Amino acid sequence: MVDFGAKLKKLRMDAGMTQQQLADKIWVTKTSISYYELSDRMPSPEVLVKLAAAFHVTTDYLLGLEDEKKYLDVSDLPAEDIALLEQMVDRLRKLRRDE
């Protein structure tokens, strides 16, 4: 099983964030981030989703259920752009199936 705390700490450090900065970003205490990184506690499902969004990864990646960071954050794009990206993804999947 993956060490959730180590993975979280690496993501935070790679992002150049302090524990306090991450805590402020996802609305928890610095102490909570410390507990998560030390693997003393696991975040609630709601906090897990916020952590995934903060680092642009999936919750499955954070939990060690997948090895790759497969997440594309389109939250700040207009609906038309998101629809276009969805069409492109569907087209690429069809092309790969047809190969």
PDB file of N, CA and C in Angstrom:
ATOM      1  N   MET A   1       0.843  -1.191   0.000  1.00  0.00           N
ATOM      2  CA  MET A   1       0.000   0.000   0.000  1.00  0.00           C
ATOM      3  C   MET A   1       0.882   1.246   0.000  1.00  0.00           C
ATOM      4  N   VAL A   2       0.430   2.245  -0.708  1.00  0.00           N
ATOM      5  CA  VAL A   2       1.174   3.493  -0.825  1.00  0.00           C
ATOM      6  C   VAL A   2       1.122   4.265   0.495  1.00  0.00           C
ATOM      7  N   ASP A   3       2.177   4.970   0.777  1.00  0.00           N
ATOM      8  CA  ASP A   3       2.223   5.829   1.954  1.00  0.00           C
ATOM      9  C   ASP A   3       1.586   7.160   1.579  1.00  0.00           C
ATOM     10  N   PHE A   4       0.320   7.317   1.948  1.00  0.00           N
ATOM     11  CA  PHE A   4      -0.423   8.520   1.598  1.00  0.00           C
ATOM     12  C   PHE A   4       0.308   9.772   2.082  1.00  0.00           C
ATOM     13  N   GLY A   5       0.808   9.732   3.306  1.00  0.00           N
ATOM     14  CA  GLY A   5       1.486  10.892   3.876  1.00  0.00           C
ATOM     15  C   GLY A   5       2.694  11.313   3.065  1.00  0.00           C
ATOM     16  N   ALA A   6       3.502  10.338   2.660  1.00  0.00           N
ATOM     17  CA  ALA A   6       4.696  10.644   1.864  1.00  0.00           C
ATOM     18  C   ALA A   6       4.306  11.217   0.505  1.00  0.00           C
ATOM     19  N   LYS A   7       3.253  10.659  -0.098  1.00  0.00           N
ATOM     20  CA  LYS A   7       2.810  11.152  -1.406  1.00  0.00           C
ATOM     21  C   LYS A   7       2.304  12.587  -1.276  1.00  0.00           C
ATOM     22  N   LEU A   8       1.531  12.855  -0.231  1.00  0.00           N
ATOM     23  CA  LEU A   8       1.015  14.208  -0.021  1.00  0.00           C
ATOM     24  C   LEU A   8       2.153  15.195   0.201  1.00  0.00           C
ATOM     25  N   LYS A   9       3.103  14.816   1.025  1.00  0.00           N
ATOM     26  CA  LYS A   9       4.230  15.714   1.293  1.00  0.00           C
ATOM     27  C   LYS A   9       5.025  16.001   0.024  1.00  0.00           C
ATOM     28  N   LYS A  10       5.254  14.976  -0.796  1.00  0.00           N
ATOM     29  CA  LYS A  10       5.988  15.175  -2.039  1.00  0.00           C
ATOM     30  C   LYS A  10       5.234  16.124  -2.971  1.00  0.00           C
ATOM     31  N   LEU A  11       3.938  15.933  -3.105  1.00  0.00           N
ATOM     32  CA  LEU A  11       3.144  16.827  -3.949  1.00  0.00           C
ATOM     33  C   LEU A  11       3.226  18.266  -3.432  1.00  0.00           C
ATOM     34  N   ARG A  12       3.116  18.418  -2.124  1.00  0.00           N
ATOM     35  CA  ARG A  12       3.170  19.757  -1.533  1.00  0.00           C
ATOM     36  C   ARG A  12       4.535  20.402  -1.764  1.00  0.00           C
ATOM     37  N   MET A  13       5.586  19.647  -1.514  1.00  0.00           N
ATOM     38  CA  MET A  13       6.941  20.176  -1.691  1.00  0.00           C
ATOM     39  C   MET A  13       7.202  20.505  -3.166  1.00  0.00           C
ATOM     40  N   ASP A  14       6.776  19.621  -4.071  1.00  0.00           N
ATOM     41  CA  ASP A  14       6.953  19.871  -5.504  1.00  0.00           C
ATOM     42  C   ASP A  14       6.228  21.139  -5.948  1.00  0.00           C
ATOM     43  N   ALA A  15       5.120  21.439  -5.276  1.00  0.00           N
ATOM     44  CA  ALA A  15       4.352  22.648  -5.595  1.00  0.00           C
ATOM     45  C   ALA A  15       4.934  23.887  -4.916  1.00  0.00           C
ATOM     46  N   GLY A  16       5.957  23.680  -4.089  1.00  0.00           N
ATOM     47  CA  GLY A  16       6.588  24.802  -3.400  1.00  0.00           C
ATOM     48  C   GLY A  16       5.703  25.430  -2.332  1.00  0.00           C
ATOM     49  N   MET A  17       4.865  24.605  -1.716  1.00  0.00           N
ATOM     50  CA  MET A  17       3.932  25.111  -0.712  1.00  0.00           C
ATOM     51  C   MET A  17       4.372  24.702   0.689  1.00  0.00           C
ATOM     52  N   THR A  18       4.064  25.556   1.647  1.00  0.00           N
ATOM     53  CA  THR A  18       4.244  25.195   3.045  1.00  0.00           C
ATOM     54  C   THR A  18       2.987  24.456   3.508  1.00  0.00           C
ATOM     55  N   GLN A  19       3.092  23.831   4.660  1.00  0.00           N
ATOM     56  CA  GLN A  19       1.902  23.183   5.213  1.00  0.00           C
ATOM     57  C   GLN A  19       0.804  24.220   5.451  1.00  0.00           C
ATOM     58  N   GLN A  20       1.181  25.390   5.916  1.00  0.00           N
ATOM     59  CA  GLN A  20       0.191  26.442   6.174  1.00  0.00           C
ATOM     60  C   GLN A  20      -0.489  26.894   4.888  1.00  0.00           C
ATOM     61  N   GLN A  21       0.292  27.044   3.824  1.00  0.00           N
ATOM     62  CA  GLN A  21      -0.295  27.466   2.549  1.00  0.00           C
ATOM     63  C   GLN A  21      -1.297  26.434   2.038  1.00  0.00           C
ATOM     64  N   LEU A  22      -0.936  25.157   2.151  1.00  0.00           N
ATOM     65  CA  LEU A  22      -1.862  24.112   1.718  1.00  0.00           C
ATOM     66  C   LEU A  22      -3.099  24.108   2.595  1.00  0.00           C
ATOM     67  N   ALA A  23      -2.897  24.230   3.887  1.00  0.00           N
ATOM     68  CA  ALA A  23      -4.034  24.260   4.816  1.00  0.00           C
ATOM     69  C   ALA A  23      -4.994  25.396   4.473  1.00  0.00           C
ATOM     70  N   ASP A  24      -4.442  26.577   4.212  1.00  0.00           N
ATOM     71  CA  ASP A  24      -5.275  27.723   3.855  1.00  0.00           C
ATOM     72  C   ASP A  24      -6.029  27.472   2.553  1.00  0.00           C
ATOM     73  N   LYS A  25      -5.382  26.829   1.623  1.00  0.00           N
ATOM     74  CA  LYS A  25      -5.979  26.581   0.305  1.00  0.00           C
ATOM     75  C   LYS A  25      -7.181  25.644   0.385  1.00  0.00           C
ATOM     76  N   ILE A  26      -7.110  24.646   1.273  1.00  0.00           N
ATOM     77  CA  ILE A  26      -8.207  23.668   1.330  1.00  0.00           C
ATOM     78  C   ILE A  26      -9.062  23.806   2.592  1.00  0.00           C
ATOM     79  N   TRP A  27      -8.843  24.869   3.351  1.00  0.00           N
ATOM     80  CA  TRP A  27      -9.667  25.200   4.506  1.00  0.00           C
ATOM     81  C   TRP A  27      -9.591  24.157   5.620  1.00  0.00           C
ATOM     82  N   VAL A  28      -8.371  23.760   5.974  1.00  0.00           N
ATOM     83  CA  VAL A  28      -8.134  22.921   7.151  1.00  0.00           C
ATOM     84  C   VAL A  28      -7.013  23.584   7.950  1.00  0.00           C
ATOM     85  N   THR A  29      -6.662  22.997   9.073  1.00  0.00           N
ATOM     86  CA  THR A  29      -5.584  23.568   9.880  1.00  0.00           C
ATOM     87  C   THR A  29      -4.232  23.019   9.435  1.00  0.00           C
ATOM     88  N   LYS A  30      -3.187  23.757   9.765  1.00  0.00           N
ATOM     89  CA  LYS A  30      -1.825  23.292   9.493  1.00  0.00           C
ATOM     90  C   LYS A  30      -1.577  21.983  10.221  1.00  0.00           C
ATOM     91  N   THR A  31      -2.120  21.852  11.414  1.00  0.00           N
ATOM     92  CA  THR A  31      -1.963  20.627  12.191  1.00  0.00           C
ATOM     93  C   THR A  31      -2.551  19.430  11.438  1.00  0.00           C
ATOM     94  N   SER A  32      -3.682  19.628  10.779  1.00  0.00           N
ATOM     95  CA  SER A  32      -4.289  18.545   9.997  1.00  0.00           C
ATOM     96  C   SER A  32      -3.350  18.093   8.888  1.00  0.00           C
ATOM     97  N   ILE A  33      -2.758  19.057   8.179  1.00  0.00           N
ATOM     98  CA  ILE A  33      -1.819  18.710   7.104  1.00  0.00           C
ATOM     99  C   ILE A  33      -0.654  17.927   7.685  1.00  0.00           C
ATOM    100  N   SER A  34      -0.150  18.348   8.821  1.00  0.00           N
ATOM    101  CA  SER A  34       0.954  17.641   9.468  1.00  0.00           C
ATOM    102  C   SER A  34       0.552  16.209   9.804  1.00  0.00           C
ATOM    103  N   TYR A  35      -0.630  16.026  10.381  1.00  0.00           N
ATOM    104  CA  TYR A  35      -1.113  14.679  10.700  1.00  0.00           C
ATOM    105  C   TYR A  35      -1.222  13.809   9.438  1.00  0.00           C
ATOM    106  N   TYR A  36      -1.730  14.393   8.355  1.00  0.00           N
ATOM    107  CA  TYR A  36      -1.851  13.633   7.102  1.00  0.00           C
ATOM    108  C   TYR A  36      -0.473  13.207   6.599  1.00  0.00           C
ATOM    109  N   GLU A  37       0.474  14.131   6.611  1.00  0.00           N
ATOM    110  CA  GLU A  37       1.814  13.832   6.099  1.00  0.00           C
ATOM    111  C   GLU A  37       2.551  12.822   6.974  1.00  0.00           C
ATOM    112  N   LEU A  38       2.260  12.819   8.259  1.00  0.00           N
ATOM    113  CA  LEU A  38       2.877  11.842   9.170  1.00  0.00           C
ATOM    114  C   LEU A  38       2.137  10.508   9.166  1.00  0.00           C
ATOM    115  N   SER A  39       1.051  10.439   8.395  1.00  0.00           N
ATOM    116  CA  SER A  39       0.179   9.259   8.321  1.00  0.00           C
ATOM    117  C   SER A  39      -0.441   8.919   9.674  1.00  0.00           C
ATOM    118  N   ASP A  40      -0.612   9.950  10.512  1.00  0.00           N
ATOM    119  CA  ASP A  40      -1.291   9.761  11.793  1.00  0.00           C
ATOM    120  C   ASP A  40      -2.802   9.769  11.614  1.00  0.00           C
ATOM    121  N   ARG A  41      -3.261  10.453  10.577  1.00  0.00           N
ATOM    122  CA  ARG A  41      -4.687  10.534  10.252  1.00  0.00           C
ATOM    123  C   ARG A  41      -4.864  10.522   8.753  1.00  0.00           C
ATOM    124  N   MET A  42      -6.049  10.096   8.335  1.00  0.00           N
ATOM    125  CA  MET A  42      -6.423  10.170   6.921  1.00  0.00           C
ATOM    126  C   MET A  42      -7.473  11.269   6.776  1.00  0.00           C
ATOM    127  N   PRO A  43      -7.431  11.986   5.677  1.00  0.00           N
ATOM    128  CA  PRO A  43      -8.427  13.042   5.477  1.00  0.00           C
ATOM    129  C   PRO A  43      -9.811  12.457   5.219  1.00  0.00           C
ATOM    130  N   SER A  44     -10.815  13.255   5.509  1.00  0.00           N
ATOM    131  CA  SER A  44     -12.192  12.867   5.186  1.00  0.00           C
ATOM    132  C   SER A  44     -12.327  12.820   3.658  1.00  0.00           C
ATOM    133  N   PRO A  45     -13.375  12.179   3.161  1.00  0.00           N
ATOM    134  CA  PRO A  45     -13.579  12.181   1.701  1.00  0.00           C
ATOM    135  C   PRO A  45     -13.639  13.590   1.117  1.00  0.00           C
ATOM    136  N   GLU A  46     -14.257  14.510   1.836  1.00  0.00           N
ATOM    137  CA  GLU A  46     -14.366  15.883   1.339  1.00  0.00           C
ATOM    138  C   GLU A  46     -12.990  16.542   1.233  1.00  0.00           C
ATOM    139  N   VAL A  47     -12.159  16.342   2.240  1.00  0.00           N
ATOM    140  CA  VAL A  47     -10.813  16.917   2.218  1.00  0.00           C
ATOM    141  C   VAL A  47      -9.957  16.224   1.159  1.00  0.00           C
ATOM    142  N   LEU A  48     -10.134  14.930   0.986  1.00  0.00           N
ATOM    143  CA  LEU A  48      -9.392  14.196  -0.040  1.00  0.00           C
ATOM    144  C   LEU A  48      -9.674  14.784  -1.422  1.00  0.00           C
ATOM    145  N   VAL A  49     -10.925  15.104  -1.685  1.00  0.00           N
ATOM    146  CA  VAL A  49     -11.295  15.708  -2.971  1.00  0.00           C
ATOM    147  C   VAL A  49     -10.636  17.081  -3.115  1.00  0.00           C
ATOM    148  N   LYS A  50     -10.618  17.861  -2.041  1.00  0.00           N
ATOM    149  CA  LYS A  50      -9.966  19.180  -2.090  1.00  0.00           C
ATOM    150  C   LYS A  50      -8.465  19.055  -2.327  1.00  0.00           C
ATOM    151  N   LEU A  51      -7.834  18.055  -1.704  1.00  0.00           N
ATOM    152  CA  LEU A  51      -6.401  17.840  -1.921  1.00  0.00           C
ATOM    153  C   LEU A  51      -6.129  17.467  -3.376  1.00  0.00           C
ATOM    154  N   ALA A  52      -6.957  16.584  -3.924  1.00  0.00           N
ATOM    155  CA  ALA A  52      -6.780  16.186  -5.319  1.00  0.00           C
ATOM    156  C   ALA A  52      -6.905  17.397  -6.244  1.00  0.00           C
ATOM    157  N   ALA A  53      -7.891  18.227  -5.987  1.00  0.00           N
ATOM    158  CA  ALA A  53      -8.071  19.423  -6.818  1.00  0.00           C
ATOM    159  C   ALA A  53      -6.901  20.390  -6.658  1.00  0.00           C
ATOM    160  N   ALA A  54      -6.397  20.533  -5.452  1.00  0.00           N
ATOM    161  CA  ALA A  54      -5.288  21.453  -5.195  1.00  0.00           C
ATOM    162  C   ALA A  54      -4.038  21.066  -5.966  1.00  0.00           C
ATOM    163  N   PHE A  55      -3.843  19.760  -6.154  1.00  0.00           N
ATOM    164  CA  PHE A  55      -2.627  19.291  -6.838  1.00  0.00           C
ATOM    165  C   PHE A  55      -2.896  18.794  -8.256  1.00  0.00           C
ATOM    166  N   HIS A  56      -4.120  18.952  -8.724  1.00  0.00           N
ATOM    167  CA  HIS A  56      -4.497  18.543 -10.079  1.00  0.00           C
ATOM    168  C   HIS A  56      -4.201  17.058 -10.322  1.00  0.00           C
ATOM    169  N   VAL A  57      -4.590  16.229  -9.355  1.00  0.00           N
ATOM    170  CA  VAL A  57      -4.469  14.777  -9.479  1.00  0.00           C
ATOM    171  C   VAL A  57      -5.811  14.166  -9.115  1.00  0.00           C
ATOM    172  N   THR A  58      -5.947  12.872  -9.327  1.00  0.00           N
ATOM    173  CA  THR A  58      -7.180  12.197  -8.946  1.00  0.00           C
ATOM    174  C   THR A  58      -7.087  11.717  -7.505  1.00  0.00           C
ATOM    175  N   THR A  59      -8.233  11.458  -6.916  1.00  0.00           N
ATOM    176  CA  THR A  59      -8.236  10.876  -5.577  1.00  0.00           C
ATOM    177  C   THR A  59      -7.626   9.479  -5.624  1.00  0.00           C
ATOM    178  N   ASP A  60      -7.838   8.764  -6.711  1.00  0.00           N
ATOM    179  CA  ASP A  60      -7.228   7.439  -6.858  1.00  0.00           C
ATOM    180  C   ASP A  60      -5.707   7.532  -6.842  1.00  0.00           C
ATOM    181  N   TYR A  61      -5.165   8.555  -7.453  1.00  0.00           N
ATOM    182  CA  TYR A  61      -3.709   8.745  -7.421  1.00  0.00           C
ATOM    183  C   TYR A  61      -3.244   8.983  -5.995  1.00  0.00           C
ATOM    184  N   LEU A  62      -3.933   9.856  -5.276  1.00  0.00           N
ATOM    185  CA  LEU A  62      -3.556  10.133  -3.889  1.00  0.00           C
ATOM    186  C   LEU A  62      -3.606   8.882  -3.022  1.00  0.00           C
ATOM    187  N   LEU A  63      -4.585   8.031  -3.290  1.00  0.00           N
ATOM    188  CA  LEU A  63      -4.760   6.819  -2.487  1.00  0.00           C
ATOM    189  C   LEU A  63      -3.902   5.651  -2.964  1.00  0.00           C
ATOM    190  N   GLY A  64      -3.166   5.870  -4.045  1.00  0.00           N
ATOM    191  CA  GLY A  64      -2.287   4.811  -4.546  1.00  0.00           C
ATOM    192  C   GLY A  64      -2.989   3.771  -5.388  1.00  0.00           C
ATOM    193  N   LEU A  65      -4.194   4.070  -5.857  1.00  0.00           N
ATOM    194  CA  LEU A  65      -4.936   3.116  -6.681  1.00  0.00           C
ATOM    195  C   LEU A  65      -4.544   3.210  -8.149  1.00  0.00           C
ATOM    196  N   GLU A  66      -3.875   4.288  -8.508  1.00  0.00           N
ATOM    197  CA  GLU A  66      -3.315   4.421  -9.851  1.00  0.00           C
ATOM    198  C   GLU A  66      -1.966   5.110  -9.721  1.00  0.00           C
ATOM    199  N   ASP A  67      -1.105   4.827 -10.689  1.00  0.00           N
ATOM    200  CA  ASP A  67       0.264   5.319 -10.612  1.00  0.00           C
ATOM    201  C   ASP A  67       0.474   6.657 -11.301  1.00  0.00           C
ATOM    202  N   GLU A  68      -0.380   6.975 -12.233  1.00  0.00           N
ATOM    203  CA  GLU A  68      -0.185   8.196 -13.008  1.00  0.00           C
ATOM    204  C   GLU A  68      -1.118   9.302 -12.542  1.00  0.00           C
ATOM    205  N   LYS A  69      -0.666  10.509 -12.715  1.00  0.00           N
ATOM    206  CA  LYS A  69      -1.491  11.678 -12.408  1.00  0.00           C
ATOM    207  C   LYS A  69      -2.386  11.939 -13.611  1.00  0.00           C
ATOM    208  N   LYS A  70      -3.591  11.379 -13.614  1.00  0.00           N
ATOM    209  CA  LYS A  70      -4.496  11.532 -14.747  1.00  0.00           C
ATOM    210  C   LYS A  70      -5.637  12.472 -14.367  1.00  0.00           C
ATOM    211  N   TYR A  71      -5.375  13.736 -14.469  1.00  0.00           N
ATOM    212  CA  TYR A  71      -6.391  14.715 -14.105  1.00  0.00           C
ATOM    213  C   TYR A  71      -6.153  15.957 -14.940  1.00  0.00           C
ATOM    214  N   LEU A  72      -7.189  16.439 -15.508  1.00  0.00           N
ATOM    215  CA  LEU A  72      -7.097  17.656 -16.297  1.00  0.00           C
ATOM    216  C   LEU A  72      -8.063  18.664 -15.696  1.00  0.00           C
ATOM    217  N   ASP A  73      -7.539  19.718 -15.134  1.00  0.00           N
ATOM    218  CA  ASP A  73      -8.368  20.729 -14.489  1.00  0.00           C
ATOM    219  C   ASP A  73      -8.859  21.718 -15.535  1.00  0.00           C
ATOM    220  N   VAL A  74     -10.152  21.686 -15.772  1.00  0.00           N
ATOM    221  CA  VAL A  74     -10.761  22.600 -16.731  1.00  0.00           C
ATOM    222  C   VAL A  74     -11.743  23.543 -16.045  1.00  0.00           C
ATOM    223  N   SER A  75     -11.649  23.629 -14.726  1.00  0.00           N
ATOM    224  CA  SER A  75     -12.630  24.377 -13.949  1.00  0.00           C
ATOM    225  C   SER A  75     -12.713  25.857 -14.302  1.00  0.00           C
ATOM    226  N   ASP A  76     -11.644  26.438 -14.814  1.00  0.00           N
ATOM    227  CA  ASP A  76     -11.686  27.862 -15.124  1.00  0.00           C
ATOM    228  C   ASP A  76     -11.971  28.147 -16.602  1.00  0.00           C
ATOM    229  N   LEU A  77     -12.325  27.111 -17.345  1.00  0.00           N
ATOM    230  CA  LEU A  77     -12.632  27.292 -18.762  1.00  0.00           C
ATOM    231  C   LEU A  77     -14.129  27.468 -18.965  1.00  0.00           C
ATOM    232  N   PRO A  78     -14.512  28.211 -19.996  1.00  0.00           N
ATOM    233  CA  PRO A  78     -15.943  28.339 -20.296  1.00  0.00           C
ATOM    234  C   PRO A  78     -16.510  27.013 -20.806  1.00  0.00           C
ATOM    235  N   ALA A  79     -17.805  26.873 -20.693  1.00  0.00           N
ATOM    236  CA  ALA A  79     -18.489  25.627 -21.069  1.00  0.00           C
ATOM    237  C   ALA A  79     -18.197  25.227 -22.513  1.00  0.00           C
ATOM    238  N   GLU A  80     -18.100  26.203 -23.413  1.00  0.00           N
ATOM    239  CA  GLU A  80     -17.837  25.886 -24.826  1.00  0.00           C
ATOM    240  C   GLU A  80     -16.470  25.222 -25.006  1.00  0.00           C
ATOM    241  N   ASP A  81     -15.471  25.717 -24.266  1.00  0.00           N
ATOM    242  CA  ASP A  81     -14.127  25.146 -24.355  1.00  0.00           C
ATOM    243  C   ASP A  81     -14.093  23.735 -23.777  1.00  0.00           C
ATOM    244  N   ILE A  82     -14.813  23.531 -22.687  1.00  0.00           N
ATOM    245  CA  ILE A  82     -14.870  22.204 -22.071  1.00  0.00           C
ATOM    246  C   ILE A  82     -15.536  21.226 -23.030  1.00  0.00           C
ATOM    247  N   ALA A  83     -16.602  21.655 -23.678  1.00  0.00           N
ATOM    248  CA  ALA A  83     -17.285  20.793 -24.648  1.00  0.00           C
ATOM    249  C   ALA A  83     -16.359  20.435 -25.801  1.00  0.00           C
ATOM    250  N   LEU A  84     -15.577  21.396 -26.265  1.00  0.00           N
ATOM    251  CA  LEU A  84     -14.623  21.146 -27.338  1.00  0.00           C
ATOM    252  C   LEU A  84     -13.571  20.124 -26.903  1.00  0.00           C
ATOM    253  N   LEU A  85     -13.052  20.280 -25.689  1.00  0.00           N
ATOM    254  CA  LEU A  85     -12.064  19.328 -25.172  1.00  0.00           C
ATOM    255  C   LEU A  85     -12.663  17.924 -25.047  1.00  0.00           C
ATOM    256  N   GLU A  86     -13.894  17.829 -24.603  1.00  0.00           N
ATOM    257  CA  GLU A  86     -14.556  16.526 -24.493  1.00  0.00           C
ATOM    258  C   GLU A  86     -14.686  15.866 -25.869  1.00  0.00           C
ATOM    259  N   GLN A  87     -15.023  16.661 -26.883  1.00  0.00           N
ATOM    260  CA  GLN A  87     -15.115  16.136 -28.247  1.00  0.00           C
ATOM    261  C   GLN A  87     -13.756  15.633 -28.732  1.00  0.00           C
ATOM    262  N   MET A  88     -12.702  16.383 -28.415  1.00  0.00           N
ATOM    263  CA  MET A  88     -11.356  15.981 -28.825  1.00  0.00           C
ATOM    264  C   MET A  88     -10.945  14.675 -28.147  1.00  0.00           C
ATOM    265  N   VAL A  89     -11.250  14.555 -26.872  1.00  0.00           N
ATOM    266  CA  VAL A  89     -10.921  13.331 -26.144  1.00  0.00           C
ATOM    267  C   VAL A  89     -11.679  12.146 -26.739  1.00  0.00           C
ATOM    268  N   ASP A  90     -12.953  12.332 -27.006  1.00  0.00           N
ATOM    269  CA  ASP A  90     -13.740  11.254 -27.620  1.00  0.00           C
ATOM    270  C   ASP A  90     -13.152  10.854 -28.970  1.00  0.00           C
ATOM    271  N   ARG A  91     -12.751  11.829 -29.754  1.00  0.00           N
ATOM    272  CA  ARG A  91     -12.157  11.558 -31.075  1.00  0.00           C
ATOM    273  C   ARG A  91     -10.836  10.795 -30.936  1.00  0.00           C
ATOM    274  N   LEU A  92      -9.992  11.203 -29.999  1.00  0.00           N
ATOM    275  CA  LEU A  92      -8.718  10.511 -29.780  1.00  0.00           C
ATOM    276  C   LEU A  92      -8.943   9.071 -29.319  1.00  0.00           C
ATOM    277  N   ARG A  93      -9.912   8.877 -28.446  1.00  0.00           N
ATOM    278  CA  ARG A  93     -10.214   7.503 -28.006  1.00  0.00           C
ATOM    279  C   ARG A  93     -10.676   6.644 -29.168  1.00  0.00           C
ATOM    280  N   LYS A  94     -11.521   7.203 -30.039  1.00  0.00           N
ATOM    281  CA  LYS A  94     -11.994   6.456 -31.212  1.00  0.00           C
ATOM    282  C   LYS A  94     -10.827   6.119 -32.134  1.00  0.00           C
ATOM    283  N   LEU A  95      -9.936   7.081 -32.334  1.00  0.00           N
ATOM    284  CA  LEU A  95      -8.767   6.825 -33.191  1.00  0.00           C
ATOM    285  C   LEU A  95      -7.901   5.698 -32.618  1.00  0.00           C
ATOM    286  N   ARG A  96      -7.707   5.684 -31.329  1.00  0.00           N
ATOM    287  CA  ARG A  96      -6.883   4.642 -30.682  1.00  0.00           C
ATOM    288  C   ARG A  96      -7.540   3.271 -30.778  1.00  0.00           C
ATOM    289  N   ARG A  97      -8.857   3.242 -30.655  1.00  0.00           N
ATOM    290  CA  ARG A  97      -9.579   1.959 -30.782  1.00  0.00           C
ATOM    291  C   ARG A  97      -9.478   1.398 -32.197  1.00  0.00           C
ATOM    292  N   ASP A  98      -9.449   2.298 -33.168  1.00  0.00           N
ATOM    293  CA  ASP A  98      -9.420   1.893 -34.571  1.00  0.00           C
ATOM    294  C   ASP A  98      -8.037   1.502 -35.070  1.00  0.00           C
ATOM    295  N   GLU A  99      -7.007   1.767 -34.263  1.00  0.00           N
ATOM    296  CA  GLU A  99      -5.627   1.454 -34.703  1.00  0.00           C
ATOM    297  C   GLU A  99      -5.402  -0.048 -34.761  1.00  0.00           C
TER     298      GLU A  99
END
